[in-house]
Amino acid sequence: MAFLFQNWPMYKDARELRREINKIARKFPPEEKYLLTDQVRRAVLSIVLQIAEGSNRKTEKDKALFINRALTSLNEVLGCCDCALDDEFITKEQYESFYGKIESLAKQLRGM
């Protein structure tokens, strides 16, 4: 592959999380379309894009900035999951599954 970041486990995990979040978010109530649904979909997409964008930065400081942005977007996704659980848009089991994946991805990002 010409783009090394596509081989990174954290990038692959971020893509998988995005796919799963989007699948669930499509089932949120219609009145949430421009609220929680839109917010969580933009936040989870941001994680993938920040990893990709930061991968080719020339300095470690610049690369760290993008990884930190990915981490803050990941925190936002967790906040959205908290709200989705509170509003009963997702089950406790779905929440716990997302929480485990978010926690694993956060560890990878922090290790970068």
Protein backbone atom coordinates (compact mmCIF):
# COMPACT_ATOMS: atom_id res chain seq x y z
CA MET A 1 0.00 0.00 0.00
CA ALA A 2 1.17 3.47 -0.79
CA PHE A 3 -0.33 4.89 2.40
CA LEU A 4 1.13 3.28 5.51
CA PHE A 5 -1.59 4.53 7.86
CA GLN A 6 -4.03 2.14 6.16
CA ASN A 7 -2.08 -0.72 7.77
CA TRP A 8 -2.15 0.75 11.28
CA PRO A 9 -4.35 -1.23 13.68
CA MET A 10 -5.75 1.98 15.17
CA TYR A 11 -6.82 3.19 11.74
CA LYS A 12 -8.51 -0.14 11.00
CA ASP A 13 -10.19 -0.08 14.42
CA ALA A 14 -11.37 3.50 13.85
CA ARG A 15 -12.89 2.52 10.51
CA GLU A 16 -14.66 -0.43 12.10
CA LEU A 17 -15.99 1.74 14.93
CA ARG A 18 -17.26 4.27 12.37
CA ARG A 19 -19.05 1.54 10.46
CA GLU A 20 -20.72 0.16 13.60
CA ILE A 21 -21.70 3.57 14.98
CA ASN A 22 -23.21 4.60 11.63
CA LYS A 23 -25.19 1.36 11.45
CA ILE A 24 -26.75 2.00 14.88
CA ALA A 25 -27.19 5.76 14.33
CA ARG A 26 -29.36 5.09 11.27
CA LYS A 27 -31.91 3.56 13.68
CA PHE A 28 -32.13 6.62 15.93
CA PRO A 29 -35.52 8.39 15.87
CA PRO A 30 -36.10 10.77 12.95
CA GLU A 31 -36.24 13.79 15.26
CA GLU A 32 -32.58 13.12 16.15
CA LYS A 33 -31.41 13.36 12.53
CA TYR A 34 -29.88 16.83 12.92
CA LEU A 35 -28.99 16.39 16.58
CA LEU A 36 -27.43 13.28 18.10
CA THR A 37 -27.34 11.27 14.87
CA ASP A 38 -25.49 13.97 12.97
CA GLN A 39 -23.17 14.71 15.90
CA VAL A 40 -22.06 11.13 16.51
CA ARG A 41 -21.58 10.43 12.79
CA ARG A 42 -19.41 13.54 12.32
CA ALA A 43 -17.38 12.77 15.45
CA VAL A 44 -16.65 9.17 14.50
CA LEU A 45 -15.72 10.18 10.95
CA SER A 46 -13.37 12.79 12.39
CA ILE A 47 -11.40 10.08 14.20
CA VAL A 48 -10.66 8.25 10.96
CA LEU A 49 -9.80 11.43 9.08
CA GLN A 50 -7.56 12.88 11.81
CA ILE A 51 -5.51 9.68 11.94
CA ALA A 52 -5.13 9.72 8.16
CA GLU A 53 -4.30 13.41 8.01
CA GLY A 54 -1.80 13.28 10.86
CA SER A 55 0.00 10.23 9.54
CA ASN A 56 2.18 12.10 7.08
CA ARG A 57 3.09 15.14 9.15
CA LYS A 58 6.76 16.04 9.14
CA THR A 59 7.28 16.68 12.84
CA GLU A 60 6.23 14.58 15.82
CA LYS A 61 4.64 17.67 17.38
CA ASP A 62 2.47 18.20 14.31
CA LYS A 63 1.56 14.50 14.14
CA ALA A 64 0.67 14.54 17.85
CA LEU A 65 -1.72 17.43 17.26
CA PHE A 66 -3.80 15.34 14.84
CA ILE A 67 -3.69 12.26 17.05
CA ASN A 68 -4.91 14.42 19.94
CA ARG A 69 -7.76 15.68 17.77
CA ALA A 70 -8.69 12.09 17.00
CA LEU A 71 -8.68 11.34 20.72
CA THR A 72 -10.91 14.31 21.52
CA SER A 73 -13.34 13.21 18.80
CA LEU A 74 -13.29 9.74 20.33
CA ASN A 75 -14.26 11.29 23.68
CA GLU A 76 -17.12 13.03 21.89
CA VAL A 77 -18.31 9.70 20.47
CA LEU A 78 -18.36 8.24 23.99
CA GLY A 79 -20.39 11.23 25.17
CA CYS A 80 -22.85 10.64 22.35
CA CYS A 81 -23.07 6.97 23.32
CA ASP A 82 -23.82 8.03 26.90
CA CYS A 83 -26.67 10.21 25.62
CA ALA A 84 -27.95 7.47 23.32
CA LEU A 85 -28.02 5.07 26.27
CA ASP A 86 -29.77 7.63 28.49
CA ASP A 87 -32.42 8.20 25.82
CA GLU A 88 -32.75 4.44 25.21
CA PHE A 89 -31.64 4.63 21.57
CA ILE A 90 -29.10 1.88 22.28
CA THR A 91 -29.14 -1.03 24.69
CA LYS A 92 -26.80 -1.51 27.63
CA GLU A 93 -25.16 -4.37 25.69
CA GLN A 94 -24.57 -2.16 22.65
CA TYR A 95 -23.18 0.55 24.92
CA GLU A 96 -20.78 -1.86 26.59
CA SER A 97 -19.59 -3.12 23.21
CA PHE A 98 -18.95 0.43 22.00
CA TYR A 99 -17.30 1.33 25.30
CA GLY A 100 -14.81 -1.53 24.96
CA LYS A 101 -13.94 -0.56 21.40
CA ILE A 102 -13.63 3.12 22.32
CA GLU A 103 -11.40 2.27 25.29
CA SER A 104 -9.14 0.09 23.11
CA LEU A 105 -8.85 2.78 20.45
CA ALA A 106 -8.11 5.42 23.09
CA LYS A 107 -5.20 3.31 24.38
CA GLN A 108 -3.81 3.01 20.86
CA LEU A 109 -4.10 6.75 20.23
CA ARG A 110 -2.47 7.61 23.56
CA GLY A 111 0.36 5.20 22.76
CA MET A 112 1.07 7.01 19.52
